[in-house]
Amino acid sequence: MPKQKRHKENVIVGDQGRIVIPARLRREMGIKEGDELMARVKDGQLVLEELDHALERVQGVFQEISQGRSLVDELIAQRRTEARKELEEIEAYRSTRRSKTP
C-alpha cells in the first residue's frame, strides 16, 4: 500500500450521485481506471478503500473474534439447539391436537 499522506480535495456530487476522485488522490493511492473500491460509511464519513485492503481488514476482525474457538462448531451447536426447540414445538402441537380429538 502506498505511503500514507494526508491530502484533502473538494469533490462535487454529480448526476446520479457520481463523484470524481481528483487525479492527485488517485495517483497517491495508486488507483487506476477500472479498479474496484469498497464504499462504506464510518462515523458519518464516506470511506473508499481498495478491495484487497477491505478483505484484509474483515479477515482480521474475524480472526480476532474466533481466537481459540471454532465459529463453525458454534453455528452447528446453535442450529442443533434451534432444531430441538422446533421439534419440541411440533410435538407439543401434535399432543394438543390428539387430546382435542374425540
N, C-alpha and C. Protein backbone atom coordinates (compact mmCIF):
# COMPACT_ATOMS: atom_id res chain seq x y z
N MET A 1 0.85 -1.18 0.00
CA MET A 1 0.00 0.00 0.00
C MET A 1 0.89 1.24 0.00
N PRO A 2 0.50 2.28 -0.74
CA PRO A 2 1.32 3.48 -0.81
C PRO A 2 1.49 4.13 0.56
N LYS A 3 2.59 4.87 0.71
CA LYS A 3 2.86 5.59 1.95
C LYS A 3 1.70 6.55 2.22
N GLN A 4 1.26 6.59 3.48
CA GLN A 4 0.09 7.40 3.79
C GLN A 4 0.46 8.87 3.96
N LYS A 5 -0.13 9.69 3.12
CA LYS A 5 -0.03 11.13 3.22
C LYS A 5 -1.43 11.62 3.50
N ARG A 6 -1.55 12.83 3.91
CA ARG A 6 -2.87 13.38 4.18
C ARG A 6 -3.10 14.58 3.27
N HIS A 7 -3.90 14.37 2.26
CA HIS A 7 -4.29 15.44 1.36
C HIS A 7 -5.79 15.55 1.36
N LYS A 8 -6.27 16.76 1.23
CA LYS A 8 -7.71 16.99 1.17
C LYS A 8 -8.02 17.63 -0.17
N GLU A 9 -9.09 17.18 -0.75
CA GLU A 9 -9.55 17.74 -2.02
C GLU A 9 -11.07 17.85 -1.94
N ASN A 10 -11.62 18.89 -2.48
CA ASN A 10 -13.07 19.03 -2.57
C ASN A 10 -13.56 18.27 -3.79
N VAL A 11 -14.68 17.61 -3.63
CA VAL A 11 -15.31 16.93 -4.76
C VAL A 11 -16.76 17.38 -4.82
N ILE A 12 -17.34 17.27 -5.99
CA ILE A 12 -18.74 17.66 -6.18
C ILE A 12 -19.52 16.40 -6.56
N VAL A 13 -20.66 16.26 -5.94
CA VAL A 13 -21.54 15.13 -6.26
C VAL A 13 -22.32 15.52 -7.51
N GLY A 14 -22.17 14.70 -8.54
CA GLY A 14 -22.82 14.99 -9.81
C GLY A 14 -24.06 14.16 -10.04
N ASP A 15 -24.41 14.07 -11.31
CA ASP A 15 -25.59 13.32 -11.73
C ASP A 15 -25.54 11.89 -11.20
N GLN A 16 -26.66 11.42 -10.68
CA GLN A 16 -26.80 10.06 -10.17
C GLN A 16 -25.85 9.78 -9.01
N GLY A 17 -25.45 10.81 -8.27
CA GLY A 17 -24.60 10.62 -7.09
C GLY A 17 -23.15 10.34 -7.40
N ARG A 18 -22.72 10.59 -8.61
CA ARG A 18 -21.35 10.28 -9.00
C ARG A 18 -20.38 11.35 -8.49
N ILE A 19 -19.20 10.87 -8.09
CA ILE A 19 -18.13 11.79 -7.72
C ILE A 19 -16.89 11.41 -8.53
N VAL A 20 -16.04 12.38 -8.73
CA VAL A 20 -14.77 12.15 -9.41
C VAL A 20 -13.68 12.27 -8.36
N ILE A 21 -12.87 11.23 -8.25
CA ILE A 21 -11.74 11.28 -7.32
C ILE A 21 -10.64 12.09 -8.01
N PRO A 22 -10.20 13.19 -7.39
CA PRO A 22 -9.19 14.03 -8.02
C PRO A 22 -7.93 13.24 -8.38
N ALA A 23 -7.30 13.61 -9.50
CA ALA A 23 -6.12 12.91 -10.01
C ALA A 23 -5.02 12.81 -8.96
N ARG A 24 -4.81 13.86 -8.21
CA ARG A 24 -3.75 13.85 -7.18
C ARG A 24 -3.99 12.72 -6.17
N LEU A 25 -5.24 12.55 -5.75
CA LEU A 25 -5.56 11.48 -4.78
C LEU A 25 -5.46 10.11 -5.44
N ARG A 26 -5.90 10.01 -6.70
CA ARG A 26 -5.79 8.72 -7.40
C ARG A 26 -4.33 8.30 -7.53
N ARG A 27 -3.48 9.24 -7.91
CA ARG A 27 -2.04 8.92 -8.03
C ARG A 27 -1.47 8.51 -6.69
N GLU A 28 -1.80 9.25 -5.66
CA GLU A 28 -1.28 8.96 -4.32
C GLU A 28 -1.70 7.57 -3.84
N MET A 29 -2.93 7.17 -4.17
CA MET A 29 -3.44 5.87 -3.74
C MET A 29 -3.17 4.76 -4.74
N GLY A 30 -2.65 5.12 -5.91
CA GLY A 30 -2.38 4.09 -6.92
C GLY A 30 -3.65 3.56 -7.56
N ILE A 31 -4.69 4.37 -7.59
CA ILE A 31 -5.97 3.96 -8.16
C ILE A 31 -5.94 4.22 -9.66
N LYS A 32 -6.27 3.18 -10.43
CA LYS A 32 -6.29 3.29 -11.89
C LYS A 32 -7.69 3.04 -12.41
N GLU A 33 -7.93 3.45 -13.63
CA GLU A 33 -9.22 3.23 -14.26
C GLU A 33 -9.56 1.73 -14.23
N GLY A 34 -10.78 1.42 -13.83
CA GLY A 34 -11.23 0.03 -13.78
C GLY A 34 -11.04 -0.62 -12.41
N ASP A 35 -10.26 0.00 -11.51
CA ASP A 35 -10.09 -0.55 -10.17
C ASP A 35 -11.43 -0.52 -9.43
N GLU A 36 -11.68 -1.54 -8.62
CA GLU A 36 -12.88 -1.58 -7.80
C GLU A 36 -12.53 -1.16 -6.38
N LEU A 37 -13.38 -0.34 -5.81
CA LEU A 37 -13.20 0.12 -4.45
C LEU A 37 -14.43 -0.27 -3.63
N MET A 38 -14.23 -0.44 -2.34
CA MET A 38 -15.32 -0.70 -1.41
C MET A 38 -15.72 0.65 -0.81
N ALA A 39 -17.00 0.98 -0.87
CA ALA A 39 -17.51 2.21 -0.28
C ALA A 39 -18.32 1.86 0.96
N ARG A 40 -18.06 2.58 2.05
CA ARG A 40 -18.81 2.35 3.29
C ARG A 40 -18.87 3.65 4.07
N VAL A 41 -19.77 3.71 5.01
CA VAL A 41 -19.89 4.87 5.89
C VAL A 41 -19.36 4.47 7.25
N LYS A 42 -18.44 5.28 7.77
CA LYS A 42 -17.87 5.02 9.10
C LYS A 42 -17.86 6.33 9.85
N ASP A 43 -18.53 6.36 10.99
CA ASP A 43 -18.58 7.56 11.82
C ASP A 43 -19.00 8.78 11.02
N GLY A 44 -20.00 8.62 10.17
CA GLY A 44 -20.52 9.73 9.39
C GLY A 44 -19.66 10.17 8.23
N GLN A 45 -18.65 9.37 7.90
CA GLN A 45 -17.76 9.72 6.79
C GLN A 45 -17.85 8.64 5.72
N LEU A 46 -17.75 9.07 4.45
CA LEU A 46 -17.68 8.14 3.34
C LEU A 46 -16.25 7.68 3.20
N VAL A 47 -16.06 6.37 3.26
CA VAL A 47 -14.72 5.79 3.16
C VAL A 47 -14.65 4.94 1.91
N LEU A 48 -13.63 5.17 1.09
CA LEU A 48 -13.37 4.35 -0.09
C LEU A 48 -12.08 3.60 0.17
N GLU A 49 -12.09 2.28 -0.01
CA GLU A 49 -10.85 1.53 0.18
C GLU A 49 -10.74 0.45 -0.87
N GLU A 50 -9.50 0.08 -1.15
CA GLU A 50 -9.24 -0.97 -2.12
C GLU A 50 -9.84 -2.27 -1.61
N LEU A 51 -10.34 -3.10 -2.52
CA LEU A 51 -10.98 -4.35 -2.12
C LEU A 51 -10.03 -5.25 -1.32
N ASP A 52 -8.77 -5.33 -1.74
CA ASP A 52 -7.80 -6.16 -1.01
C ASP A 52 -7.66 -5.69 0.42
N HIS A 53 -7.59 -4.38 0.61
CA HIS A 53 -7.45 -3.82 1.96
C HIS A 53 -8.70 -4.11 2.79
N ALA A 54 -9.89 -3.97 2.18
CA ALA A 54 -11.14 -4.25 2.89
C ALA A 54 -11.20 -5.72 3.31
N LEU A 55 -10.79 -6.61 2.41
CA LEU A 55 -10.78 -8.04 2.71
C LEU A 55 -9.83 -8.34 3.87
N GLU A 56 -8.63 -7.76 3.85
CA GLU A 56 -7.67 -7.97 4.94
C GLU A 56 -8.23 -7.46 6.26
N ARG A 57 -8.91 -6.30 6.22
CA ARG A 57 -9.48 -5.72 7.43
C ARG A 57 -10.55 -6.64 8.01
N VAL A 58 -11.44 -7.13 7.15
CA VAL A 58 -12.52 -8.00 7.62
C VAL A 58 -11.97 -9.33 8.12
N GLN A 59 -10.99 -9.89 7.42
CA GLN A 59 -10.37 -11.14 7.88
C GLN A 59 -9.73 -10.95 9.25
N GLY A 60 -9.11 -9.80 9.47
CA GLY A 60 -8.50 -9.51 10.77
C GLY A 60 -9.53 -9.46 11.87
N VAL A 61 -10.68 -8.86 11.58
CA VAL A 61 -11.75 -8.78 12.58
C VAL A 61 -12.23 -10.17 12.94
N PHE A 62 -12.47 -11.02 11.93
CA PHE A 62 -12.96 -12.37 12.21
C PHE A 62 -11.89 -13.22 12.90
N GLN A 63 -10.64 -12.96 12.59
CA GLN A 63 -9.57 -13.71 13.25
C GLN A 63 -9.54 -13.37 14.73
N GLU A 64 -9.73 -12.10 15.06
CA GLU A 64 -9.77 -11.69 16.46
C GLU A 64 -10.96 -12.30 17.18
N ILE A 65 -12.11 -12.31 16.51
CA ILE A 65 -13.33 -12.85 17.10
C ILE A 65 -13.19 -14.34 17.38
N SER A 66 -12.56 -15.05 16.45
CA SER A 66 -12.54 -16.51 16.54
C SER A 66 -11.32 -17.07 17.27
N GLN A 67 -10.51 -16.22 17.91
CA GLN A 67 -9.34 -16.72 18.65
C GLN A 67 -9.77 -17.80 19.64
N GLY A 68 -9.25 -18.98 19.49
CA GLY A 68 -9.48 -20.05 20.47
C GLY A 68 -10.83 -20.73 20.39
N ARG A 69 -11.61 -20.46 19.36
CA ARG A 69 -12.90 -21.14 19.24
C ARG A 69 -13.23 -21.33 17.77
N SER A 70 -14.10 -22.28 17.52
CA SER A 70 -14.50 -22.58 16.15
C SER A 70 -15.88 -21.99 15.88
N LEU A 71 -15.92 -21.03 14.98
CA LEU A 71 -17.21 -20.43 14.64
C LEU A 71 -18.13 -21.44 13.98
N VAL A 72 -17.56 -22.38 13.24
CA VAL A 72 -18.36 -23.43 12.60
C VAL A 72 -19.03 -24.30 13.66
N ASP A 73 -18.24 -24.72 14.67
CA ASP A 73 -18.80 -25.54 15.74
C ASP A 73 -19.90 -24.79 16.49
N GLU A 74 -19.69 -23.50 16.72
CA GLU A 74 -20.71 -22.70 17.40
C GLU A 74 -21.99 -22.61 16.57
N LEU A 75 -21.84 -22.42 15.27
CA LEU A 75 -23.00 -22.35 14.39
C LEU A 75 -23.76 -23.67 14.38
N ILE A 76 -23.04 -24.78 14.30
CA ILE A 76 -23.68 -26.11 14.31
C ILE A 76 -24.43 -26.33 15.62
N ALA A 77 -23.81 -25.98 16.72
CA ALA A 77 -24.45 -26.15 18.03
C ALA A 77 -25.72 -25.29 18.12
N GLN A 78 -25.63 -24.07 17.60
CA GLN A 78 -26.79 -23.18 17.61
C GLN A 78 -27.92 -23.75 16.77
N ARG A 79 -27.59 -24.24 15.59
CA ARG A 79 -28.62 -24.83 14.71
C ARG A 79 -29.25 -26.06 15.36
N ARG A 80 -28.45 -26.89 16.05
CA ARG A 80 -28.99 -28.07 16.72
C ARG A 80 -29.96 -27.68 17.83
N THR A 81 -29.61 -26.64 18.58
CA THR A 81 -30.49 -26.16 19.64
C THR A 81 -31.81 -25.66 19.05
N GLU A 82 -31.72 -24.90 17.97
CA GLU A 82 -32.93 -24.40 17.31
C GLU A 82 -33.78 -25.56 16.77
N ALA A 83 -33.13 -26.56 16.19
CA ALA A 83 -33.85 -27.72 15.66
C ALA A 83 -34.57 -28.47 16.77
N ARG A 84 -33.90 -28.63 17.94
CA ARG A 84 -34.53 -29.30 19.09
C ARG A 84 -35.78 -28.54 19.54
N LYS A 85 -35.66 -27.20 19.61
CA LYS A 85 -36.81 -26.39 20.02
C LYS A 85 -37.96 -26.54 19.04
N GLU A 86 -37.64 -26.55 17.75
CA GLU A 86 -38.67 -26.72 16.74
C GLU A 86 -39.37 -28.07 16.89
N LEU A 87 -38.59 -29.13 17.13
CA LEU A 87 -39.18 -30.47 17.33
C LEU A 87 -40.07 -30.49 18.56
N GLU A 88 -39.63 -29.84 19.63
CA GLU A 88 -40.44 -29.78 20.85
C GLU A 88 -41.76 -29.06 20.58
N GLU A 89 -41.70 -27.97 19.80
CA GLU A 89 -42.93 -27.23 19.47
C GLU A 89 -43.86 -28.09 18.62
N ILE A 90 -43.31 -28.83 17.69
CA ILE A 90 -44.13 -29.70 16.84
C ILE A 90 -44.78 -30.78 17.68
N GLU A 91 -44.01 -31.41 18.58
CA GLU A 91 -44.56 -32.45 19.45
C GLU A 91 -45.64 -31.88 20.36
N ALA A 92 -45.42 -30.68 20.90
CA ALA A 92 -46.43 -30.06 21.76
C ALA A 92 -47.71 -29.79 20.97
N TYR A 93 -47.57 -29.31 19.76
CA TYR A 93 -48.73 -29.06 18.89
C TYR A 93 -49.49 -30.36 18.61
N ARG A 94 -48.74 -31.41 18.27
CA ARG A 94 -49.37 -32.69 17.96
C ARG A 94 -50.10 -33.25 19.17
N SER A 95 -49.50 -33.13 20.34
CA SER A 95 -50.14 -33.69 21.54
C SER A 95 -51.40 -32.91 21.90
N THR A 96 -51.43 -31.61 21.66
CA THR A 96 -52.67 -30.85 21.95
C THR A 96 -53.74 -31.20 20.93
N ARG A 97 -53.37 -31.47 19.70
CA ARG A 97 -54.36 -31.87 18.69
C ARG A 97 -54.94 -33.23 19.03
N ARG A 98 -54.08 -34.17 19.49
CA ARG A 98 -54.55 -35.51 19.85
C ARG A 98 -55.51 -35.45 21.01
N SER A 99 -55.22 -34.60 22.00
CA SER A 99 -56.08 -34.54 23.17
C SER A 99 -57.41 -33.89 22.85
N LYS A 100 -57.50 -33.08 21.80
CA LYS A 100 -58.75 -32.45 21.40
C LYS A 100 -59.59 -33.35 20.50
N THR A 101 -59.00 -34.37 19.92
CA THR A 101 -59.73 -35.26 19.02
C THR A 101 -60.60 -36.21 19.85
N PRO A 102 -61.94 -36.30 19.55
CA PRO A 102 -62.83 -37.17 20.33
C PRO A 102 -62.59 -38.63 20.11
